[in-house]
Amino acid sequence: MLPLVSRRRFLFGSAALGLSPLLACAPRFENAAPVVFVHGNGDTAALWHTTFWRWESNGFPRDRLFAVDFPYPLARNNDAVFQRLRSSSTDQREQLAAFVSEVKQRTNAAKVALVGSSRGGNAIRNYIKNGGGAAHVSHAVLCGTPNHGVIVSDRVLLGSEFNGSSAFLRQLNEGPTETVPGPAWMTTLSDTNDKFAQPDGRYLGMPGQPTGVAFDGPALRGAKNVVLPGLDHREVAFHPRAFAAIWEFIMGGAPGTTGIAAEAAPILNGKVNGMTSPPSGSAVQTNLPVAGAVVEIYETDPRTGERRRQVHRQETGADGYWGPFRASPYATYEFVIATPDHPITHIYRSPFPRSSSIIHLRPGSLSDKAKLASSAITLSRPRGYFGIGRDTITFDGQPAEGIAEGVPNVSTATLLLPAGSPKRSVVCRFNDETIAVQSWPLADNRVVIAELHY
């Protein structure tokens, strides 16, 4: 059985935290269905922590929010053919079923609400239709899920669960309605900004080739289909507007706020997730815990990224967890992850206003191009993409390079400082979120990531 992402000591942080005035006045939801969040292809449960914060800030109990962390988050190239370190649609269906069963047992709930981002929606649909899930699910919300594939083709992506002509998607979509009776169904989708719902194959590396998929590819017959104009493939799950639509669908009314109410003393925890290098090919992301990783946390100067003081240090055990750590809701932090066979990774983060036990960390990697620089600094946006014309993305006030115009389709931007550059402060900005970092040298096998919350 897949273990819950958050066991007793990790899921809920501290048992008693002071509530803000907003939370103290909020209605209680102890009898509401627990909400289970399902991440997408290659992702982790960590992507949902800001979503948890918004649910909590509207009074929803922390102990009724769960996020699965699939051990092998990347899909197989061919769903029917075993591929090391990757998962099939059946693997994820069975793991989600086990996770839901354990959530129900823990909460004594009759049903759960499921919310999935991208590939997570495939797991939800498969569980409900083919895994007996209809009897256990009250609401199914699919956010940017490629319900009709990213392409419909008999020449490319053969056997992939993302091919609209695959046996997997054909059986999910057969019949007069594409939903299963029982749960209430909703999709959230972009208008034209989803890189995986495009008539042209440009963002699949096949420019000029028709995909057979329309902008409304994530919509389903029989579901409430909510278009969120301007948002990208990831944002339709993680943006505040997406949260508001999901909350209203599940809870039956608009949320009191889409903001995040701060706690006095947030408790943070998470695990170090794996990055495995196969005998040949590029490294593969897994969500398996890494034992023996050393995690250090430093409070930093928000203007420069310089260290003020070390506030935490721990070596991970077999479960991979690096905490718990009591944070300040207003401090900025540098996380340093040292693991065998990977560069020492410096991750800089904005303040953590609330507790979370799913602050999972993954070591960084180096490209061949980066190895020629004195320092490599990556601005990473796990919950969305960068769009030229829509977003402001800068290093030290200068526009980030390497981001093409058009549909937002990349989630990282990297600054390579030329050889001989001294270690210094670099200010990274995405719209209203600014993170200052230090340019640690590549010569010391160190990489730098400014990871955006929002």
Foldseek 3Di string as FASTA:
>chain_A
DQDFQAPPCFQQFDPDFDDDPQQVPADADLQAAQEEEEEAAQDAQLLCPLLLLQCVSRNYDSLSYGYDGAQQRHADLALVDDDPSHHHLVSLLVNVVVNLVVSCVVSVHQAHAYAYAACRLLSVLCNVPPVVRLRHHAEYEYELHQLQALAADPPHSPNPPRHNPHPSSCVCQDDPWNHDPRHAYEYEFEQQQELSQHQACVLVVHGPDGRPGHRVSRDTGPHHYHYDYPAYRLCCRVPLVNSQVVCCVRVVHGGPDSDGAFTAKAWEKAFAWEWADPPDDHIGTGRQGDFQKKKWKFFADQVFAHGDGTQAIDGHHNRRMRDGGIDGQQTKMWIWIDDPPAFTETETEGGDRHYGSHNYHYTDHDDPVLLQFFFKEKEFEPRGFDAVVVKAWDKQPHGFPDADHDRGNHGMTMDGHHPPDDWTWIWIDIHPDIGIHIGHTCVNRYHYYYYYSD
